[in-house]
Structures are given as structure tokens and as C-alpha cells.
Amino acid sequence: MMKLSFTKMHGCGNDYIYMDCFRQQVLEPAQLSRTLSRPHFGIGGDGLILILPSGRADAKMRIFNRDGSEGKMCGNGIRCVAKYLYDSGIVSKRDMRIDTLSGVKEVQVHPQENGPFLVTVDMGPAILNPPDIPVLLPGNRVVERQVELSEGQETITCVSMGNPHCVVFRPQVAKLDLEQEGPRFETAPIFPQGVNTEFVQVIGENQLQMRVWERGSGETLACGTGACASAVAAVLTGRCNPREPVQVVLRGGTLSIRDTGTTILMTGQAQTVFTGEVEL
């Protein structure tokens, strides 16, 4: 038997199992994610995130989805990694750099005595070039493009924030059946690596409501990169003012997204749920 320590954390309800690999070794993380992410028979969560040493940053994160596939970036996850690094003393400064498969991200923590622990992440610029997303469609951008998917046409905007996103604006997103809608996009042939799909409704001035179907995980309560992609798509299609932050209301909380013109800044909470030890 082997014992591993873990911390359960969430950002806007997007919950992962975090393992500190500065102090322990984790083998076969893909299989471990499949095992531990199951509700009832495991810890339960959207996946597994490893916090590791890095040769080019303060720390490195690796993300494994519920199905064991490895993700390049997780906006809610990186905020929780920053909180863990700060709270544990591994990184004592408020400005830190975290290495991901999507590059090194600049992160700033905002601890507060009587309020939520907030983290701002420089997510880098939005990627709109179709081959870099990737999406198999012609042109320089896919913005409000009509495409044929199974069971009908859709109007989509495609963005990468380190992982591929497809944003669809719909009325009354709260009533959508994502178990039916999500797989239509995730498995569409135009997305060779699958896609995270955001179903978005404009609910106020620079305010969006969003639900997300994540590749490899299904519907989750929140997606940080998806919130960034939704805000970018709303600005590109004239639904939001580019000069003001966009508030994205998710099932698990709200994220503030600001486009500086050169990069996308995401600010939101990071929370620890509990710590524990699992025997394998």
C-alpha cells in the first residue's frame, strides 16, 4: 500500500484534487486521475493537478482530466495552485510564475484577512488563428461562423486560451441540455483535438452567463479559460465593451475578465475545501 497526501480545492466550483510533488512522488497520474476523480468510489472532482518543481518558474502544474487525458491549461486550477504555493510557504511572494504546457503564466495573489482569497492570472493573448486553436476551417478567424454539425447548423466563435474553445451564444442557457448539446461539439470532425464548448447568454452590460462542456470531463461548474474565451468572443462580436472588464457568471461563481489589448487578465477566487490522505 502507498499513501499520498492531497488537497481538495476549487475555483468557482471547478474542483480538482491537488498533489504536492515537491514533497512526494506521484506515479501514473493519468490512471490516478481516473480512479480518484470518481464520486462515491474516489475522492471526487473534475480531475487531478500535480504541483511540481520547475527549472524556469516558481513551480509547474500538470493537469489531468477526469478521463485521464492531460490538459494544457486550467484557469481555475492555476489560481488554486497559486494559493497552495503561497499558503504552504513554497512560494512566499505575491507575484509568482507558474509553468504550464501552455507556457509560463504570471500570477498575482491577493490574500485578504476578512474576504475571499483572490488571484489574478495573466492568461496571455487570445489565439484566433484557426490552425493554432485548432479548428479545421479556412480564414484568419472563426468569428460568428455558421457551420454544419450533427443535428443542424450552429454559429460559432473559436478561441484558444492555451486549449481550444468554441463559444456559442444562446438564449436561456440555464435550460439547455448539455448532456446532449456538449458532445455534438466535442466530437465534431472540425475539432481534431476535441473542444471545450461555452454556451453563453448576455444578461447585462458587460455581463455574461456561461455554462461549459469540457472535453474529457463533461459539464463542470466553471472553466477559467472558457470564461476568458467567452469574454473575448463577446467583445469580437460586439456584445461587450472592450474598454471595461467582463463579468462572467458561472454555475459555481463569477470571474472578472479584462482584455488589456495585449493580454487577457482573469481574476477570481481560490478556495481550499479539505486536505487528506489516500491509500493506493
Protein backbone atom coordinates (compact mmCIF):
# COMPACT_ATOMS: atom_id res chain seq x y z
CA MET A 1 0.00 0.00 0.00
CA MET A 2 1.11 3.53 -0.78
CA LYS A 3 -0.20 6.68 0.89
CA LEU A 4 -0.46 10.00 -0.92
CA SER A 5 -1.39 13.35 0.62
CA PHE A 6 -3.77 15.59 -1.29
CA THR A 7 -5.63 18.88 -1.02
CA LYS A 8 -9.11 19.34 -2.45
CA MET A 9 -9.53 22.87 -3.83
CA HIS A 10 -11.91 24.69 -6.10
CA GLY A 11 -12.18 27.87 -8.11
CA CYS A 12 -15.80 28.82 -8.73
CA GLY A 13 -16.81 25.20 -8.13
CA ASN A 14 -14.28 23.79 -10.61
CA ASP A 15 -12.83 21.26 -8.16
CA TYR A 16 -9.60 19.32 -8.55
CA ILE A 17 -7.51 17.04 -6.40
CA TYR A 18 -4.13 18.74 -5.88
CA MET A 19 -0.97 16.80 -5.06
CA ASP A 20 2.22 18.43 -3.83
CA CYS A 21 5.08 16.85 -5.81
CA PHE A 22 7.67 18.98 -4.02
CA ARG A 23 7.22 16.59 -1.09
CA GLN A 24 6.09 13.31 -2.65
CA GLN A 25 6.32 11.37 -5.89
CA VAL A 26 3.19 10.60 -7.89
CA LEU A 27 3.35 7.76 -10.40
CA GLU A 28 0.90 7.16 -13.26
CA PRO A 29 -1.11 10.38 -12.77
CA ALA A 30 -3.46 9.65 -15.69
CA GLN A 31 -4.68 6.42 -14.08
CA LEU A 32 -4.72 8.11 -10.68
CA SER A 33 -6.97 10.86 -12.02
CA ARG A 34 -9.44 8.34 -13.42
CA THR A 35 -9.50 6.48 -10.10
CA LEU A 36 -9.69 9.38 -7.66
CA SER A 37 -12.00 11.67 -9.64
CA ARG A 38 -14.91 9.26 -9.42
CA PRO A 39 -17.65 10.24 -6.98
CA HIS A 40 -18.67 7.63 -4.40
CA PHE A 41 -15.71 5.34 -5.16
CA GLY A 42 -12.97 8.00 -5.11
CA ILE A 43 -12.39 11.49 -3.76
CA GLY A 44 -14.49 13.07 -6.48
CA GLY A 45 -13.55 16.01 -8.67
CA ASP A 46 -13.01 17.33 -12.18
CA GLY A 47 -9.54 15.79 -12.28
CA LEU A 48 -6.07 15.77 -10.78
CA ILE A 49 -3.49 18.58 -10.70
CA LEU A 50 0.15 17.99 -9.79
CA ILE A 51 2.22 20.83 -8.29
CA LEU A 52 5.87 20.25 -9.20
CA PRO A 53 9.27 21.96 -9.18
CA SER A 54 10.20 23.85 -12.35
CA GLY A 55 13.53 24.81 -13.83
CA ARG A 56 12.14 28.01 -15.35
CA ALA A 57 9.46 29.22 -12.94
CA ASP A 58 8.50 29.11 -9.25
CA ALA A 59 6.53 25.91 -9.82
CA LYS A 60 4.97 23.78 -12.52
CA MET A 61 1.44 22.41 -12.83
CA ARG A 62 0.23 19.37 -14.73
CA ILE A 63 -3.50 18.89 -15.31
CA PHE A 64 -5.23 15.56 -15.82
CA ASN A 65 -8.89 15.45 -16.73
CA ARG A 66 -11.39 13.05 -15.21
CA ASP A 67 -10.86 10.63 -18.12
CA GLY A 68 -7.07 10.66 -17.66
CA SER A 69 -6.25 12.88 -20.63
CA GLU A 70 -3.72 15.64 -19.95
CA GLY A 71 -4.79 19.26 -20.36
CA LYS A 72 -2.54 22.14 -21.32
CA MET A 73 -4.08 24.85 -19.17
CA CYS A 74 -6.75 25.34 -16.50
CA GLY A 75 -7.63 28.88 -15.46
CA ASN A 76 -9.41 27.90 -12.24
CA GLY A 77 -6.73 25.33 -11.47
CA ILE A 78 -3.79 27.70 -11.75
CA ARG A 79 -5.43 30.09 -9.26
CA CYS A 80 -5.69 27.24 -6.74
CA VAL A 81 -2.09 26.22 -7.42
CA ALA A 82 -1.01 29.79 -6.63
CA LYS A 83 -2.99 29.75 -3.38
CA TYR A 84 -1.47 26.41 -2.38
CA LEU A 85 2.08 27.64 -3.12
CA TYR A 86 1.50 30.80 -1.08
CA ASP A 87 -0.28 29.17 1.85
CA SER A 88 2.24 26.33 2.14
CA GLY A 89 5.24 28.67 2.03
CA ILE A 90 6.72 27.04 -1.07
CA VAL A 91 6.49 30.48 -2.69
CA SER A 92 6.37 33.36 -0.21
CA LYS A 93 6.00 36.26 -2.67
CA ARG A 94 2.70 37.51 -4.03
CA ASP A 95 3.91 37.72 -7.62
CA MET A 96 4.85 34.30 -8.95
CA ARG A 97 5.43 32.44 -12.19
CA ILE A 98 3.82 29.06 -12.84
CA ASP A 99 4.91 26.77 -15.65
CA THR A 100 2.21 25.02 -17.73
CA LEU A 101 2.05 23.16 -21.02
CA SER A 102 0.75 26.46 -22.44
CA GLY A 103 3.82 28.34 -21.25
CA VAL A 104 4.82 30.20 -18.10
CA LYS A 105 1.99 32.29 -16.62
CA GLU A 106 2.39 35.38 -14.44
CA VAL A 107 0.17 35.15 -11.34
CA GLN A 108 -0.57 37.58 -8.51
CA VAL A 109 -2.22 36.52 -5.26
CA HIS A 110 -4.40 38.86 -3.17
CA PRO A 111 -4.80 37.34 0.32
CA GLN A 112 -7.35 39.14 2.48
CA GLU A 113 -7.97 38.77 6.20
CA ASN A 114 -11.73 39.15 6.08
CA GLY A 115 -12.53 38.32 2.49
CA PRO A 116 -12.02 35.73 -0.23
CA PHE A 117 -8.56 34.77 -1.44
CA LEU A 118 -8.36 36.31 -4.91
CA VAL A 119 -5.86 35.51 -7.64
CA THR A 120 -5.18 37.35 -10.90
CA VAL A 121 -3.68 35.37 -13.77
CA ASP A 122 -2.11 36.81 -16.91
CA MET A 123 -3.55 34.32 -19.38
CA GLY A 124 -1.65 35.70 -22.36
CA PRO A 125 -3.24 36.90 -25.60
CA ALA A 126 -6.21 35.11 -27.11
CA ILE A 127 -5.27 32.91 -30.07
CA LEU A 128 -7.62 33.30 -33.04
CA ASN A 129 -5.68 31.71 -35.91
CA PRO A 130 -7.65 28.52 -36.79
CA PRO A 131 -4.67 26.12 -37.17
CA ASP A 132 -3.36 27.20 -33.76
CA ILE A 133 -6.66 26.56 -31.94
CA PRO A 134 -7.01 24.05 -33.75
CA VAL A 135 -10.18 24.15 -35.84
CA LEU A 136 -10.30 22.90 -39.41
CA LEU A 137 -11.91 25.93 -41.03
CA PRO A 138 -10.48 28.43 -43.54
CA GLY A 139 -9.74 32.09 -42.93
CA ASN A 140 -7.82 34.16 -40.39
CA ARG A 141 -10.51 33.91 -37.70
CA VAL A 142 -13.62 31.93 -36.90
CA VAL A 143 -15.97 34.61 -35.56
CA GLU A 144 -19.76 34.20 -35.83
CA ARG A 145 -19.17 31.50 -38.45
CA GLN A 146 -22.01 29.21 -39.46
CA VAL A 147 -21.01 25.56 -39.54
CA GLU A 148 -22.81 22.29 -40.05
CA LEU A 149 -22.70 19.93 -37.08
CA SER A 150 -24.68 16.82 -36.33
CA GLU A 151 -28.37 17.69 -35.93
CA GLY A 152 -28.13 21.10 -37.59
CA GLN A 153 -26.26 24.35 -38.10
CA GLU A 154 -24.52 26.37 -35.39
CA THR A 155 -22.98 29.83 -35.27
CA ILE A 156 -19.62 29.58 -33.54
CA THR A 157 -16.63 31.68 -32.48
CA CYS A 158 -13.37 29.80 -31.88
CA VAL A 159 -10.64 30.91 -29.47
CA SER A 160 -7.67 29.27 -27.83
CA MET A 161 -6.53 30.31 -24.36
CA GLY A 162 -3.94 27.53 -24.27
CA ASN A 163 -6.65 25.00 -25.04
CA PRO A 164 -9.36 25.03 -27.74
CA HIS A 165 -12.71 26.71 -27.12
CA CYS A 166 -15.87 27.06 -29.15
CA VAL A 167 -18.24 29.80 -27.99
CA VAL A 168 -21.93 29.65 -28.88
CA PHE A 169 -24.36 32.43 -27.93
CA ARG A 170 -27.77 31.12 -26.97
CA PRO A 171 -30.85 32.44 -25.16
CA GLN A 172 -31.78 30.88 -21.81
CA VAL A 173 -28.60 28.85 -21.33
CA ALA A 174 -29.86 27.66 -17.94
CA LYS A 175 -32.42 25.48 -19.70
CA LEU A 176 -30.03 23.79 -22.15
CA ASP A 177 -29.47 20.02 -22.04
CA LEU A 178 -25.67 19.96 -22.12
CA GLU A 179 -25.53 16.17 -21.96
CA GLN A 180 -27.00 16.26 -25.45
CA GLU A 181 -25.52 19.51 -26.74
CA GLY A 182 -21.95 19.21 -25.48
CA PRO A 183 -20.85 16.02 -27.28
CA ARG A 184 -22.07 17.42 -30.63
CA PHE A 185 -19.25 19.97 -30.45
CA GLU A 186 -16.61 17.95 -28.59
CA THR A 187 -16.62 15.16 -31.20
CA ALA A 188 -17.19 17.29 -34.31
CA PRO A 189 -14.63 16.49 -37.08
CA ILE A 190 -13.68 20.18 -37.39
CA PHE A 191 -12.04 19.95 -33.94
CA PRO A 192 -9.17 17.46 -34.35
CA GLN A 193 -8.21 17.64 -30.66
CA GLY A 194 -11.76 17.95 -29.34
CA VAL A 195 -13.02 21.22 -27.93
CA ASN A 196 -14.37 22.89 -24.80
CA THR A 197 -17.72 24.45 -25.62
CA GLU A 198 -19.16 27.51 -23.89
CA PHE A 199 -22.88 28.22 -24.13
CA VAL A 200 -23.23 31.94 -23.39
CA GLN A 201 -26.06 34.39 -22.80
CA VAL A 202 -25.73 38.17 -22.44
CA ILE A 203 -27.55 39.08 -19.22
CA GLY A 204 -26.47 42.69 -18.70
CA GLU A 205 -23.99 45.38 -19.70
CA ASN A 206 -20.63 43.57 -19.95
CA GLN A 207 -22.15 40.66 -18.05
CA LEU A 208 -22.40 37.12 -19.39
CA GLN A 209 -23.91 33.90 -18.11
CA MET A 210 -21.99 30.81 -19.17
CA ARG A 211 -22.26 27.05 -19.00
CA VAL A 212 -19.43 24.85 -20.22
CA TRP A 213 -18.96 21.38 -21.61
CA GLU A 214 -15.28 20.45 -21.17
CA ARG A 215 -13.61 17.86 -23.34
CA GLY A 216 -12.75 14.83 -21.27
CA SER A 217 -14.81 15.97 -18.27
CA GLY A 218 -18.34 16.87 -19.43
CA GLU A 219 -20.22 19.75 -17.83
CA THR A 220 -18.35 21.45 -14.99
CA LEU A 221 -19.40 24.24 -12.66
CA ALA A 222 -16.77 26.59 -14.06
CA CYS A 223 -13.94 26.95 -16.58
CA GLY A 224 -11.47 29.80 -16.32
CA THR A 225 -10.08 29.57 -19.86
CA GLY A 226 -13.67 29.20 -21.07
CA ALA A 227 -14.69 32.40 -19.28
CA CYS A 228 -11.77 34.18 -20.99
CA ALA A 229 -12.77 32.76 -24.38
CA SER A 230 -16.40 33.80 -23.82
CA ALA A 231 -15.39 37.36 -22.93
CA VAL A 232 -13.13 37.56 -26.00
CA ALA A 233 -15.93 36.24 -28.23
CA ALA A 234 -18.42 38.73 -26.74
CA VAL A 235 -16.08 41.63 -27.49
CA LEU A 236 -15.27 40.38 -31.01
CA THR A 237 -18.97 40.09 -31.85
CA GLY A 238 -19.88 43.49 -30.39
CA ARG A 239 -21.83 42.12 -27.44
CA CYS A 240 -19.49 43.62 -24.81
CA ASN A 241 -17.47 46.81 -24.43
CA PRO A 242 -13.75 46.11 -24.84
CA ARG A 243 -12.79 49.02 -22.54
CA GLU A 244 -14.42 47.53 -19.44
CA PRO A 245 -13.95 44.20 -17.58
CA VAL A 246 -16.44 41.49 -18.48
CA GLN A 247 -18.15 39.71 -15.60
CA VAL A 248 -18.75 36.05 -16.45
CA VAL A 249 -21.32 34.34 -14.23
CA LEU A 250 -20.70 30.60 -13.99
CA ARG A 251 -22.68 27.92 -12.20
CA GLY A 252 -20.08 27.97 -9.42
CA GLY A 253 -19.26 31.67 -9.14
CA THR A 254 -18.18 34.77 -11.08
CA LEU A 255 -14.93 35.63 -12.84
CA SER A 256 -13.77 39.08 -13.94
CA ILE A 257 -12.05 39.12 -17.35
CA ARG A 258 -10.15 42.15 -18.67
CA ASP A 259 -8.60 42.49 -22.12
CA THR A 260 -5.69 44.94 -21.94
CA GLY A 261 -5.18 44.90 -25.69
CA THR A 262 -2.08 42.73 -25.39
CA THR A 263 -3.15 40.10 -22.87
CA ILE A 264 -6.16 38.69 -21.00
CA LEU A 265 -6.29 39.10 -17.20
CA MET A 266 -8.55 36.81 -15.19
CA THR A 267 -9.40 37.45 -11.53
CA GLY A 268 -11.35 35.11 -9.28
CA GLN A 269 -11.44 33.22 -6.01
CA ALA A 270 -9.43 30.17 -4.99
CA GLN A 271 -10.61 28.08 -2.05
CA THR A 272 -9.35 25.09 -0.08
CA VAL A 273 -12.05 22.53 0.73
CA PHE A 274 -10.13 19.94 2.77
CA THR A 275 -6.88 18.02 2.98
CA GLY A 276 -6.48 14.28 3.32
CA GLU A 277 -4.52 11.14 2.63
CA VAL A 278 -5.45 8.33 0.26
CA GLU A 279 -4.22 4.74 0.29
CA LEU A 280 -3.49 3.04 -3.04
